[in-house]
């Protein structure tokens, strides 16, 4: 349940980062001005919107990083405790006290050739 909520938050933050990056003014590309971010009469002033967008993007990147690490941890723990059938399958421990059995020599197995003296 927690992983699903965090996954939805993670996706929303990813989309918000993409939108904020596209809104920011680049060198020569005035994409931010196309959405009204280039006006000096804006709410944040001439350079205030750039600082606000940069700081908001930095904050969202930190949230994205934290949610990525948390999701990786949750899904790793979840995959360790479950299997395809829904329950953990544990192999029985091997008997390490007895050495492996050696098959008896049979008649149909050829013997090694004798070396001449």
PDB file of N, CA and C in Angstrom:
ATOM      1  N   UNK A   1       0.827  -1.191   0.000  1.00  0.00           N
ATOM      2  CA  UNK A   1       0.000   0.000   0.000  1.00  0.00           C
ATOM      3  C   UNK A   1       0.876   1.262   0.000  1.00  0.00           C
ATOM      4  N   UNK A   2       1.866   1.269   0.895  1.00  0.00           N
ATOM      5  CA  UNK A   2       2.770   2.420   0.971  1.00  0.00           C
ATOM      6  C   UNK A   2       3.568   2.566  -0.325  1.00  0.00           C
ATOM      7  N   UNK A   3       3.977   1.441  -0.884  1.00  0.00           N
ATOM      8  CA  UNK A   3       4.754   1.477  -2.125  1.00  0.00           C
ATOM      9  C   UNK A   3       3.922   2.044  -3.269  1.00  0.00           C
ATOM     10  N   UNK A   4       2.639   1.731  -3.319  1.00  0.00           N
ATOM     11  CA  UNK A   4       1.783   2.253  -4.390  1.00  0.00           C
ATOM     12  C   UNK A   4       1.584   3.764  -4.265  1.00  0.00           C
ATOM     13  N   UNK A   5       1.385   4.243  -3.047  1.00  0.00           N
ATOM     14  CA  UNK A   5       1.229   5.687  -2.832  1.00  0.00           C
ATOM     15  C   UNK A   5       2.521   6.412  -3.187  1.00  0.00           C
ATOM     16  N   UNK A   6       3.639   5.839  -2.777  1.00  0.00           N
ATOM     17  CA  UNK A   6       4.933   6.452  -3.082  1.00  0.00           C
ATOM     18  C   UNK A   6       5.225   6.425  -4.580  1.00  0.00           C
ATOM     19  N   UNK A   7       4.780   5.372  -5.255  1.00  0.00           N
ATOM     20  CA  UNK A   7       4.972   5.281  -6.703  1.00  0.00           C
ATOM     21  C   UNK A   7       4.174   6.358  -7.433  1.00  0.00           C
ATOM     22  N   UNK A   8       2.946   6.617  -7.001  1.00  0.00           N
ATOM     23  CA  UNK A   8       2.133   7.676  -7.612  1.00  0.00           C
ATOM     24  C   UNK A   8       2.780   9.036  -7.362  1.00  0.00           C
ATOM     25  N   UNK A   9       3.254   9.268  -6.135  1.00  0.00           N
ATOM     26  CA  UNK A   9       3.954  10.523  -5.822  1.00  0.00           C
ATOM     27  C   UNK A   9       5.202  10.674  -6.682  1.00  0.00           C
ATOM     28  N   UNK A  10       5.921   9.585  -6.864  1.00  0.00           N
ATOM     29  CA  UNK A  10       7.136   9.579  -7.677  1.00  0.00           C
ATOM     30  C   UNK A  10       6.836   9.982  -9.120  1.00  0.00           C
ATOM     31  N   UNK A  11       5.768   9.437  -9.679  1.00  0.00           N
ATOM     32  CA  UNK A  11       5.393   9.780 -11.054  1.00  0.00           C
ATOM     33  C   UNK A  11       4.944  11.233 -11.181  1.00  0.00           C
ATOM     34  N   UNK A  12       4.189  11.726 -10.199  1.00  0.00           N
ATOM     35  CA  UNK A  12       3.756  13.130 -10.229  1.00  0.00           C
ATOM     36  C   UNK A  12       4.946  14.083 -10.132  1.00  0.00           C
ATOM     37  N   UNK A  13       5.909  13.747  -9.291  1.00  0.00           N
ATOM     38  CA  UNK A  13       7.107  14.578  -9.159  1.00  0.00           C
ATOM     39  C   UNK A  13       7.907  14.557 -10.456  1.00  0.00           C
ATOM     40  N   UNK A  14       7.973  13.400 -11.116  1.00  0.00           N
ATOM     41  CA  UNK A  14       8.700  13.311 -12.390  1.00  0.00           C
ATOM     42  C   UNK A  14       8.063  14.204 -13.450  1.00  0.00           C
ATOM     43  N   UNK A  15       6.746  14.196 -13.525  1.00  0.00           N
ATOM     44  CA  UNK A  15       6.050  15.049 -14.497  1.00  0.00           C
ATOM     45  C   UNK A  15       6.258  16.524 -14.145  1.00  0.00           C
ATOM     46  N   UNK A  16       6.198  16.862 -12.848  1.00  0.00           N
ATOM     47  CA  UNK A  16       6.408  18.250 -12.426  1.00  0.00           C
ATOM     48  C   UNK A  16       7.814  18.724 -12.761  1.00  0.00           C
ATOM     49  N   UNK A  17       8.807  17.856 -12.620  1.00  0.00           N
ATOM     50  CA  UNK A  17      10.187  18.233 -12.972  1.00  0.00           C
ATOM     51  C   UNK A  17      10.285  18.530 -14.457  1.00  0.00           C
ATOM     52  N   UNK A  18       9.673  17.703 -15.285  1.00  0.00           N
ATOM     53  CA  UNK A  18       9.718  17.925 -16.738  1.00  0.00           C
ATOM     54  C   UNK A  18       9.072  19.267 -17.082  1.00  0.00           C
ATOM     55  N   UNK A  19       7.917  19.560 -16.475  1.00  0.00           N
ATOM     56  CA  UNK A  19       7.224  20.825 -16.763  1.00  0.00           C
ATOM     57  C   UNK A  19       8.061  22.010 -16.300  1.00  0.00           C
ATOM     58  N   UNK A  20       8.647  21.924 -15.114  1.00  0.00           N
ATOM     59  CA  UNK A  20       9.442  23.051 -14.618  1.00  0.00           C
ATOM     60  C   UNK A  20      10.707  23.265 -15.434  1.00  0.00           C
ATOM     61  N   UNK A  21      11.317  22.214 -15.903  1.00  0.00           N
ATOM     62  CA  UNK A  21      12.504  22.372 -16.736  1.00  0.00           C
ATOM     63  C   UNK A  21      12.136  23.043 -18.059  1.00  0.00           C
ATOM     64  N   UNK A  22      10.983  22.673 -18.604  1.00  0.00           N
ATOM     65  CA  UNK A  22      10.560  23.302 -19.864  1.00  0.00           C
ATOM     66  C   UNK A  22      10.159  24.766 -19.676  1.00  0.00           C
ATOM     67  N   UNK A  23       9.696  25.134 -18.498  1.00  0.00           N
ATOM     68  CA  UNK A  23       9.301  26.523 -18.241  1.00  0.00           C
ATOM     69  C   UNK A  23      10.499  27.446 -18.046  1.00  0.00           C
ATOM     70  N   UNK A  24      11.626  26.915 -17.663  1.00  0.00           N
ATOM     71  CA  UNK A  24      12.785  27.766 -17.383  1.00  0.00           C
ATOM     72  C   UNK A  24      13.399  28.288 -18.672  1.00  0.00           C
ATOM     73  N   UNK A  25      13.972  29.473 -18.547  1.00  0.00           N
ATOM     74  CA  UNK A  25      14.613  30.089 -19.705  1.00  0.00           C
ATOM     75  C   UNK A  25      15.989  29.480 -19.901  1.00  0.00           C
ATOM     76  N   UNK A  26      16.244  29.073 -21.135  1.00  0.00           N
ATOM     77  CA  UNK A  26      17.560  28.546 -21.458  1.00  0.00           C
ATOM     78  C   UNK A  26      18.383  29.612 -22.155  1.00  0.00           C
ATOM     79  N   UNK A  27      19.585  29.250 -22.572  1.00  0.00           N
ATOM     80  CA  UNK A  27      20.436  30.173 -23.307  1.00  0.00           C
ATOM     81  C   UNK A  27      19.961  30.227 -24.744  1.00  0.00           C
ATOM     82  N   UNK A  28      19.374  31.333 -25.125  1.00  0.00           N
ATOM     83  CA  UNK A  28      18.904  31.508 -26.490  1.00  0.00           C
ATOM     84  C   UNK A  28      17.510  30.968 -26.736  1.00  0.00           C
ATOM     85  N   UNK A  29      17.092  29.955 -26.037  1.00  0.00           N
ATOM     86  CA  UNK A  29      15.752  29.397 -26.214  1.00  0.00           C
ATOM     87  C   UNK A  29      14.845  30.031 -25.176  1.00  0.00           C
ATOM     88  N   UNK A  30      13.831  30.728 -25.625  1.00  0.00           N
ATOM     89  CA  UNK A  30      12.970  31.493 -24.728  1.00  0.00           C
ATOM     90  C   UNK A  30      11.668  30.747 -24.468  1.00  0.00           C
ATOM     91  N   UNK A  31      11.745  29.491 -24.054  1.00  0.00           N
ATOM     92  CA  UNK A  31      10.555  28.689 -23.810  1.00  0.00           C
ATOM     93  C   UNK A  31       9.779  29.219 -22.610  1.00  0.00           C
ATOM     94  N   UNK A  32      10.471  29.735 -21.593  1.00  0.00           N
ATOM     95  CA  UNK A  32       9.799  30.264 -20.416  1.00  0.00           C
ATOM     96  C   UNK A  32       8.956  31.479 -20.744  1.00  0.00           C
ATOM     97  N   UNK A  33       9.401  32.291 -21.680  1.00  0.00           N
ATOM     98  CA  UNK A  33       8.639  33.476 -22.062  1.00  0.00           C
ATOM     99  C   UNK A  33       7.366  33.107 -22.813  1.00  0.00           C
ATOM    100  N   UNK A  34       7.355  31.975 -23.475  1.00  0.00           N
ATOM    101  CA  UNK A  34       6.166  31.545 -24.203  1.00  0.00           C
ATOM    102  C   UNK A  34       5.002  31.277 -23.259  1.00  0.00           C
ATOM    103  N   UNK A  35       5.299  30.901 -22.021  1.00  0.00           N
ATOM    104  CA  UNK A  35       4.256  30.633 -21.038  1.00  0.00           C
ATOM    105  C   UNK A  35       4.072  31.794 -20.070  1.00  0.00           C
ATOM    106  N   UNK A  36       4.662  32.927 -20.356  1.00  0.00           N
ATOM    107  CA  UNK A  36       4.483  34.097 -19.514  1.00  0.00           C
ATOM    108  C   UNK A  36       5.549  34.269 -18.457  1.00  0.00           C
ATOM    109  N   UNK A  37       6.603  33.492 -18.477  1.00  0.00           N
ATOM    110  CA  UNK A  37       7.646  33.580 -17.458  1.00  0.00           C
ATOM    111  C   UNK A  37       8.665  34.660 -17.732  1.00  0.00           C
ATOM    112  N   UNK A  38       8.681  35.268 -18.906  1.00  0.00           N
ATOM    113  CA  UNK A  38       9.706  36.236 -19.246  1.00  0.00           C
ATOM    114  C   UNK A  38       9.321  37.672 -18.969  1.00  0.00           C
ATOM    115  N   UNK A  39       8.178  37.910 -18.423  1.00  0.00           N
ATOM    116  CA  UNK A  39       7.706  39.274 -18.191  1.00  0.00           C
ATOM    117  C   UNK A  39       8.266  39.831 -16.895  1.00  0.00           C
ATOM    118  N   UNK A  40       8.655  41.099 -16.914  1.00  0.00           N
ATOM    119  CA  UNK A  40       9.147  41.726 -15.693  1.00  0.00           C
ATOM    120  C   UNK A  40       7.992  42.138 -14.791  1.00  0.00           C
ATOM    121  N   UNK A  41       6.754  42.075 -15.276  1.00  0.00           N
ATOM    122  CA  UNK A  41       5.578  42.429 -14.492  1.00  0.00           C
ATOM    123  C   UNK A  41       4.973  41.196 -13.814  1.00  0.00           C
ATOM    124  N   UNK A  42       5.722  40.119 -13.799  1.00  0.00           N
ATOM    125  CA  UNK A  42       5.201  38.887 -13.209  1.00  0.00           C
ATOM    126  C   UNK A  42       5.208  38.980 -11.689  1.00  0.00           C
ATOM    127  N   UNK A  43       4.683  37.994 -11.061  1.00  0.00           N
ATOM    128  CA  UNK A  43       4.559  37.949  -9.614  1.00  0.00           C
ATOM    129  C   UNK A  43       5.920  37.968  -8.929  1.00  0.00           C
ATOM    130  N   UNK A  44       6.929  37.368  -9.533  1.00  0.00           N
ATOM    131  CA  UNK A  44       8.238  37.240  -8.895  1.00  0.00           C
ATOM    132  C   UNK A  44       9.243  38.277  -9.384  1.00  0.00           C
ATOM    133  N   UNK A  45       8.896  39.147 -10.325  1.00  0.00           N
ATOM    134  CA  UNK A  45       9.824  40.132 -10.855  1.00  0.00           C
ATOM    135  C   UNK A  45      10.554  39.594 -12.071  1.00  0.00           C
ATOM    136  N   UNK A  46      11.546  40.353 -12.562  1.00  0.00           N
ATOM    137  CA  UNK A  46      12.244  39.988 -13.788  1.00  0.00           C
ATOM    138  C   UNK A  46      13.076  38.720 -13.616  1.00  0.00           C
ATOM    139  N   UNK A  47      13.863  38.612 -12.558  1.00  0.00           N
ATOM    140  CA  UNK A  47      14.690  37.431 -12.332  1.00  0.00           C
ATOM    141  C   UNK A  47      14.125  36.533 -11.227  1.00  0.00           C
ATOM    142  N   UNK A  48      13.082  36.976 -10.565  1.00  0.00           N
ATOM    143  CA  UNK A  48      12.511  36.199  -9.468  1.00  0.00           C
ATOM    144  C   UNK A  48      11.912  34.887  -9.916  1.00  0.00           C
ATOM    145  N   UNK A  49      11.324  34.866 -11.112  1.00  0.00           N
ATOM    146  CA  UNK A  49      10.726  33.616 -11.578  1.00  0.00           C
ATOM    147  C   UNK A  49      11.793  32.581 -11.879  1.00  0.00           C
ATOM    148  N   UNK A  50      12.936  33.027 -12.394  1.00  0.00           N
ATOM    149  CA  UNK A  50      14.019  32.089 -12.673  1.00  0.00           C
ATOM    150  C   UNK A  50      14.536  31.477 -11.374  1.00  0.00           C
ATOM    151  N   UNK A  51      14.705  32.297 -10.347  1.00  0.00           N
ATOM    152  CA  UNK A  51      15.162  31.776  -9.059  1.00  0.00           C
ATOM    153  C   UNK A  51      14.123  30.850  -8.449  1.00  0.00           C
ATOM    154  N   UNK A  52      12.847  31.230  -8.530  1.00  0.00           N
ATOM    155  CA  UNK A  52      11.781  30.398  -7.978  1.00  0.00           C
ATOM    156  C   UNK A  52      11.709  29.063  -8.712  1.00  0.00           C
ATOM    157  N   UNK A  53      11.763  29.087 -10.035  1.00  0.00           N
ATOM    158  CA  UNK A  53      11.687  27.849 -10.805  1.00  0.00           C
ATOM    159  C   UNK A  53      12.909  26.969 -10.549  1.00  0.00           C
ATOM    160  N   UNK A  54      14.081  27.578 -10.437  1.00  0.00           N
ATOM    161  CA  UNK A  54      15.295  26.805 -10.165  1.00  0.00           C
ATOM    162  C   UNK A  54      15.246  26.148  -8.796  1.00  0.00           C
ATOM    163  N   UNK A  55      14.805  26.900  -7.807  1.00  0.00           N
ATOM    164  CA  UNK A  55      14.739  26.342  -6.454  1.00  0.00           C
ATOM    165  C   UNK A  55      13.648  25.272  -6.352  1.00  0.00           C
ATOM    166  N   UNK A  56      12.529  25.496  -7.003  1.00  0.00           N
ATOM    167  CA  UNK A  56      11.465  24.492  -6.990  1.00  0.00           C
ATOM    168  C   UNK A  56      11.923  23.222  -7.698  1.00  0.00           C
ATOM    169  N   UNK A  57      12.633  23.380  -8.811  1.00  0.00           N
ATOM    170  CA  UNK A  57      13.154  22.210  -9.527  1.00  0.00           C
ATOM    171  C   UNK A  57      14.154  21.460  -8.659  1.00  0.00           C
ATOM    172  N   UNK A  58      15.022  22.188  -7.968  1.00  0.00           N
ATOM    173  CA  UNK A  58      15.999  21.539  -7.088  1.00  0.00           C
ATOM    174  C   UNK A  58      15.305  20.774  -5.966  1.00  0.00           C
ATOM    175  N   UNK A  59      14.273  21.361  -5.388  1.00  0.00           N
ATOM    176  CA  UNK A  59      13.524  20.683  -4.334  1.00  0.00           C
ATOM    177  C   UNK A  59      12.852  19.423  -4.874  1.00  0.00           C
ATOM    178  N   UNK A  60      12.236  19.513  -6.047  1.00  0.00           N
ATOM    179  CA  UNK A  60      11.566  18.350  -6.624  1.00  0.00           C
ATOM    180  C   UNK A  60      12.563  17.256  -7.013  1.00  0.00           C
ATOM    181  N   UNK A  61      13.756  17.647  -7.439  1.00  0.00           N
ATOM    182  CA  UNK A  61      14.786  16.655  -7.750  1.00  0.00           C
ATOM    183  C   UNK A  61      15.193  15.908  -6.481  1.00  0.00           C
ATOM    184  N   UNK A  62      15.304  16.623  -5.368  1.00  0.00           N
ATOM    185  CA  UNK A  62      15.638  15.974  -4.099  1.00  0.00           C
ATOM    186  C   UNK A  62      14.531  15.009  -3.675  1.00  0.00           C
ATOM    187  N   UNK A  63      13.260  15.420  -3.847  1.00  0.00           N
ATOM    188  CA  UNK A  63      12.135  14.534  -3.527  1.00  0.00           C
ATOM    189  C   UNK A  63      12.145  13.322  -4.445  1.00  0.00           C
ATOM    190  N   UNK A  64      12.440  13.534  -5.727  1.00  0.00           N
ATOM    191  CA  UNK A  64      12.501  12.438  -6.696  1.00  0.00           C
ATOM    192  C   UNK A  64      13.594  11.440  -6.318  1.00  0.00           C
ATOM    193  N   UNK A  65      14.753  11.941  -5.930  1.00  0.00           N
ATOM    194  CA  UNK A  65      15.864  11.078  -5.529  1.00  0.00           C
ATOM    195  C   UNK A  65      15.500  10.269  -4.292  1.00  0.00           C
ATOM    196  N   UNK A  66      14.931  10.930  -3.300  1.00  0.00           N
ATOM    197  CA  UNK A  66      14.545  10.251  -2.066  1.00  0.00           C
ATOM    198  C   UNK A  66      13.477   9.189  -2.333  1.00  0.00           C
ATOM    199  N   UNK A  67      12.490   9.510  -3.159  1.00  0.00           N
ATOM    200  CA  UNK A  67      11.443   8.531  -3.452  1.00  0.00           C
ATOM    201  C   UNK A  67      11.991   7.371  -4.282  1.00  0.00           C
ATOM    202  N   UNK A  68      12.956   7.637  -5.151  1.00  0.00           N
ATOM    203  CA  UNK A  68      13.581   6.554  -5.920  1.00  0.00           C
ATOM    204  C   UNK A  68      14.298   5.577  -4.996  1.00  0.00           C
ATOM    205  N   UNK A  69      15.067   6.102  -4.063  1.00  0.00           N
ATOM    206  CA  UNK A  69      15.795   5.242  -3.139  1.00  0.00           C
ATOM    207  C   UNK A  69      14.840   4.468  -2.232  1.00  0.00           C
ATOM    208  N   UNK A  70      13.772   5.125  -1.781  1.00  0.00           N
ATOM    209  CA  UNK A  70      12.801   4.462  -0.915  1.00  0.00           C
ATOM    210  C   UNK A  70      12.060   3.360  -1.668  1.00  0.00           C
ATOM    211  N   UNK A  71      11.665   3.634  -2.909  1.00  0.00           N
ATOM    212  CA  UNK A  71      10.987   2.605  -3.708  1.00  0.00           C
ATOM    213  C   UNK A  71      11.907   1.424  -3.982  1.00  0.00           C
ATOM    214  N   UNK A  72      13.158   1.691  -4.255  1.00  0.00           N
ATOM    215  CA  UNK A  72      14.111   0.605  -4.489  1.00  0.00           C
ATOM    216  C   UNK A  72      14.246  -0.258  -3.239  1.00  0.00           C
ATOM    217  N   UNK A  73      14.311   0.366  -2.089  1.00  0.00           N
ATOM    218  CA  UNK A  73      14.409  -0.379  -0.832  1.00  0.00           C
ATOM    219  C   UNK A  73      13.148  -1.207  -0.581  1.00  0.00           C
ATOM    220  N   UNK A  74      11.976  -0.593  -0.776  1.00  0.00           N
ATOM    221  CA  UNK A  74      10.722  -1.307  -0.525  1.00  0.00           C
ATOM    222  C   UNK A  74      10.546  -2.488  -1.465  1.00  0.00           C
ATOM    223  N   UNK A  75      10.827  -2.302  -2.746  1.00  0.00           N
ATOM    224  CA  UNK A  75      10.635  -3.385  -3.702  1.00  0.00           C
ATOM    225  C   UNK A  75      11.695  -4.475  -3.542  1.00  0.00           C
ATOM    226  N   UNK A  76      12.887  -4.125  -3.070  1.00  0.00           N
ATOM    227  CA  UNK A  76      13.902  -5.140  -2.805  1.00  0.00           C
ATOM    228  C   UNK A  76      13.477  -6.003  -1.621  1.00  0.00           C
ATOM    229  N   UNK A  77      12.987  -5.379  -0.572  1.00  0.00           N
ATOM    230  CA  UNK A  77      12.496  -6.135   0.587  1.00  0.00           C
ATOM    231  C   UNK A  77      11.301  -6.996   0.211  1.00  0.00           C
ATOM    232  N   UNK A  78      10.429  -6.466  -0.631  1.00  0.00           N
ATOM    233  CA  UNK A  78       9.233  -7.206  -1.029  1.00  0.00           C
ATOM    234  C   UNK A  78       9.610  -8.419  -1.881  1.00  0.00           C
ATOM    235  N   UNK A  79      10.584  -8.284  -2.762  1.00  0.00           N
ATOM    236  CA  UNK A  79      10.963  -9.395  -3.630  1.00  0.00           C
ATOM    237  C   UNK A  79      11.727 -10.472  -2.865  1.00  0.00           C
ATOM    238  N   UNK A  80      12.394 -10.109  -1.768  1.00  0.00           N
ATOM    239  CA  UNK A  80      13.094 -11.108  -0.970  1.00  0.00           C
ATOM    240  C   UNK A  80      12.129 -11.990  -0.197  1.00  0.00           C
ATOM    241  N   UNK A  81      10.987 -11.453   0.209  1.00  0.00           N
ATOM    242  CA  UNK A  81      10.071 -12.198   1.056  1.00  0.00           C
ATOM    243  C   UNK A  81       8.981 -12.917   0.288  1.00  0.00           C
ATOM    244  N   UNK A  82       8.870 -12.700  -1.003  1.00  0.00           N
ATOM    245  CA  UNK A  82       7.804 -13.357  -1.756  1.00  0.00           C
ATOM    246  C   UNK A  82       8.386 -14.082  -2.954  1.00  0.00           C
ATOM    247  N   UNK A  83       7.584 -14.994  -3.481  1.00  0.00           N
ATOM    248  CA  UNK A  83       7.973 -15.710  -4.679  1.00  0.00           C
ATOM    249  C   UNK A  83       6.803 -15.732  -5.627  1.00  0.00           C
ATOM    250  N   UNK A  84       6.897 -16.503  -6.686  1.00  0.00           N
ATOM    251  CA  UNK A  84       5.838 -16.537  -7.686  1.00  0.00           C
ATOM    252  C   UNK A  84       4.541 -17.064  -7.083  1.00  0.00           C
ATOM    253  N   UNK A  85       4.629 -18.081  -6.258  1.00  0.00           N
ATOM    254  CA  UNK A  85       3.444 -18.688  -5.664  1.00  0.00           C
ATOM    255  C   UNK A  85       2.859 -17.890  -4.521  1.00  0.00           C
ATOM    256  N   UNK A  86       3.534 -16.850  -4.076  1.00  0.00           N
ATOM    257  CA  UNK A  86       3.029 -16.031  -2.989  1.00  0.00           C
ATOM    258  C   UNK A  86       3.612 -16.392  -1.636  1.00  0.00           C
ATOM    259  N   UNK A  87       4.330 -17.494  -1.546  1.00  0.00           N
ATOM    260  CA  UNK A  87       4.963 -17.858  -0.289  1.00  0.00           C
ATOM    261  C   UNK A  87       6.439 -18.129  -0.537  1.00  0.00           C
ATOM    262  N   UNK A  88       7.195 -17.977   0.493  1.00  0.00           N
ATOM    263  CA  UNK A  88       8.639 -18.197   0.365  1.00  0.00           C
ATOM    264  C   UNK A  88       8.924 -19.684   0.234  1.00  0.00           C
ATOM    265  N   UNK A  89       9.817 -20.022  -0.651  1.00  0.00           N
ATOM    266  CA  UNK A  89      10.238 -21.404  -0.827  1.00  0.00           C
ATOM    267  C   UNK A  89      11.676 -21.485  -0.348  1.00  0.00           C
ATOM    268  N   UNK A  90      11.887 -22.285   0.688  1.00  0.00           N
ATOM    269  CA  UNK A  90      13.225 -22.421   1.251  1.00  0.00           C
ATOM    270  C   UNK A  90      13.670 -23.852   1.011  1.00  0.00           C
ATOM    271  N   UNK A  91      14.840 -24.019   0.430  1.00  0.00           N
ATOM    272  CA  UNK A  91      15.372 -25.353   0.175  1.00  0.00           C
ATOM    273  C   UNK A  91      15.820 -25.969   1.487  1.00  0.00           C
ATOM    274  N   UNK A  92      15.614 -27.274   1.653  1.00  0.00           N
ATOM    275  CA  UNK A  92      16.059 -27.910   2.888  1.00  0.00           C
ATOM    276  C   UNK A  92      17.584 -27.895   2.953  1.00  0.00           C
ATOM    277  N   UNK A  93      18.127 -27.791   4.161  1.00  0.00           N
ATOM    278  CA  UNK A  93      19.590 -27.731   4.270  1.00  0.00           C
ATOM    279  C   UNK A  93      20.211 -29.058   3.851  1.00  0.00           C
ATOM    280  N   UNK A  94      21.353 -28.974   3.205  1.00  0.00           N
ATOM    281  CA  UNK A  94      22.059 -30.170   2.759  1.00  0.00           C
ATOM    282  C   UNK A  94      22.749 -30.818   3.945  1.00  0.00           C
ATOM    283  N   UNK A  95      22.852 -32.153   3.924  1.00  0.00           N
ATOM    284  CA  UNK A  95      23.535 -32.885   4.983  1.00  0.00           C
ATOM    285  C   UNK A  95      25.037 -32.813   4.702  1.00  0.00           C
ATOM    286  N   UNK A  96      25.736 -31.998   5.457  1.00  0.00           N
ATOM    287  CA  UNK A  96      27.159 -31.778   5.232  1.00  0.00           C
ATOM    288  C   UNK A  96      28.028 -32.712   6.059  1.00  0.00           C
ATOM    289  N   UNK A  97      27.415 -33.531   6.927  1.00  0.00           N
ATOM    290  CA  UNK A  97      28.224 -34.398   7.789  1.00  0.00           C
ATOM    291  C   UNK A  97      28.771 -35.604   7.037  1.00  0.00           C
ATOM    292  N   UNK A  98      28.024 -36.136   6.062  1.00  0.00           N
ATOM    293  CA  UNK A  98      28.476 -37.325   5.333  1.00  0.00           C
ATOM    294  C   UNK A  98      29.082 -36.916   4.004  1.00  0.00           C
ATOM    295  N   UNK A  99      30.208 -37.545   3.609  1.00  0.00           N
ATOM    296  CA  UNK A  99      30.790 -37.221   2.299  1.00  0.00           C
ATOM    297  C   UNK A  99      29.904 -37.793   1.192  1.00  0.00           C
ATOM    298  N   UNK A 100      30.022 -37.274  -0.006  1.00  0.00           N
ATOM    299  CA  UNK A 100      29.191 -37.784  -1.096  1.00  0.00           C
ATOM    300  C   UNK A 100      29.536 -39.244  -1.391  1.00  0.00           C
ATOM    301  N   UNK A 101      28.518 -39.990  -1.764  1.00  0.00           N
ATOM    302  CA  UNK A 101      28.701 -41.420  -2.024  1.00  0.00           C
ATOM    303  C   UNK A 101      29.478 -41.627  -3.318  1.00  0.00           C
ATOM    304  N   UNK A 102      30.436 -42.581  -3.284  1.00  0.00           N
ATOM    305  CA  UNK A 102      31.223 -42.920  -4.465  1.00  0.00           C
ATOM    306  C   UNK A 102      30.660 -44.218  -5.028  1.00  0.00           C
ATOM    307  N   UNK A 103      30.349 -44.280  -6.302  1.00  0.00           N
ATOM    308  CA  UNK A 103      29.781 -45.509  -6.854  1.00  0.00           C
ATOM    309  C   UNK A 103      30.808 -46.641  -6.823  1.00  0.00           C
ATOM    310  N   UNK A 104      30.319 -47.851  -6.606  1.00  0.00           N
ATOM    311  CA  UNK A 104      31.178 -49.036  -6.588  1.00  0.00           C
ATOM    312  C   UNK A 104      31.674 -49.323  -7.997  1.00  0.00           C
ATOM    313  N   UNK A 105      32.841 -49.945  -8.097  1.00  0.00           N
ATOM    314  CA  UNK A 105      33.389 -50.301  -9.404  1.00  0.00           C
ATOM    315  C   UNK A 105      32.524 -51.401 -10.010  1.00  0.00           C
ATOM    316  N   UNK A 106      32.200 -51.260 -11.249  1.00  0.00           N
ATOM    317  CA  UNK A 106      31.372 -52.243 -11.938  1.00  0.00           C
ATOM    318  C   UNK A 106      32.219 -52.987 -12.955  1.00  0.00           C
ATOM    319  N   UNK A 107      31.717 -54.123 -13.442  1.00  0.00           N
ATOM    320  CA  UNK A 107      32.464 -54.948 -14.386  1.00  0.00           C
ATOM    321  C   UNK A 107      32.550 -54.319 -15.770  1.00  0.00           C
ATOM    322  N   UNK A 108      31.577 -53.520 -16.160  1.00  0.00           N
ATOM    323  CA  UNK A 108      31.578 -52.963 -17.500  1.00  0.00           C
ATOM    324  C   UNK A 108      32.433 -51.708 -17.630  1.00  0.00           C
ATOM    325  N   UNK A 109      33.022 -51.262 -16.540  1.00  0.00           N
ATOM    326  CA  UNK A 109      33.887 -50.084 -16.582  1.00  0.00           C
ATOM    327  C   UNK A 109      35.303 -50.581 -16.870  1.00  0.00           C
ATOM    328  N   UNK A 110      35.939 -50.107 -17.940  1.00  0.00           N
ATOM    329  CA  UNK A 110      37.291 -50.575 -18.251  1.00  0.00           C
ATOM    330  C   UNK A 110      38.290 -50.069 -17.209  1.00  0.00           C
ATOM    331  N   UNK A 111      39.308 -50.859 -17.008  1.00  0.00           N
ATOM    332  CA  UNK A 111      40.353 -50.455 -16.068  1.00  0.00           C
ATOM    333  C   UNK A 111      41.450 -49.722 -16.833  1.00  0.00           C
ATOM    334  N   UNK A 112      42.289 -49.056 -16.113  1.00  0.00           N
ATOM    335  CA  UNK A 112      43.378 -48.308 -16.729  1.00  0.00           C
ATOM    336  C   UNK A 112      44.407 -49.290 -17.286  1.00  0.00           C
ATOM    337  N   UNK A 113      45.004 -48.991 -18.436  1.00  0.00           N
ATOM    338  CA  UNK A 113      46.001 -49.911 -19.005  1.00  0.00           C
ATOM    339  C   UNK A 113      47.251 -49.954 -18.125  1.00  0.00           C
ATOM    340  N   UNK A 114      47.875 -51.120 -18.124  1.00  0.00           N
ATOM    341  CA  UNK A 114      49.094 -51.274 -17.345  1.00  0.00           C
ATOM    342  C   UNK A 114      50.262 -50.663 -18.092  1.00  0.00           C
ATOM    343  N   UNK A 115      51.183 -50.109 -17.365  1.00  0.00           N
ATOM    344  CA  UNK A 115      52.359 -49.508 -17.997  1.00  0.00           C
ATOM    345  C   UNK A 115      53.483 -50.544 -18.087  1.00  0.00           C
ATOM    346  N   UNK A 116      54.167 -50.623 -19.245  1.00  0.00           N
ATOM    347  CA  UNK A 116      55.272 -51.585 -19.369  1.00  0.00           C
ATOM    348  C   UNK A 116      56.465 -51.148 -18.537  1.00  0.00           C
ATOM    349  N   UNK A 117      57.222 -52.114 -18.033  1.00  0.00           N
ATOM    350  CA  UNK A 117      58.379 -51.782 -17.198  1.00  0.00           C
ATOM    351  C   UNK A 117      59.639 -51.802 -17.952  1.00  0.00           C
TER     352      UNK A 117
END
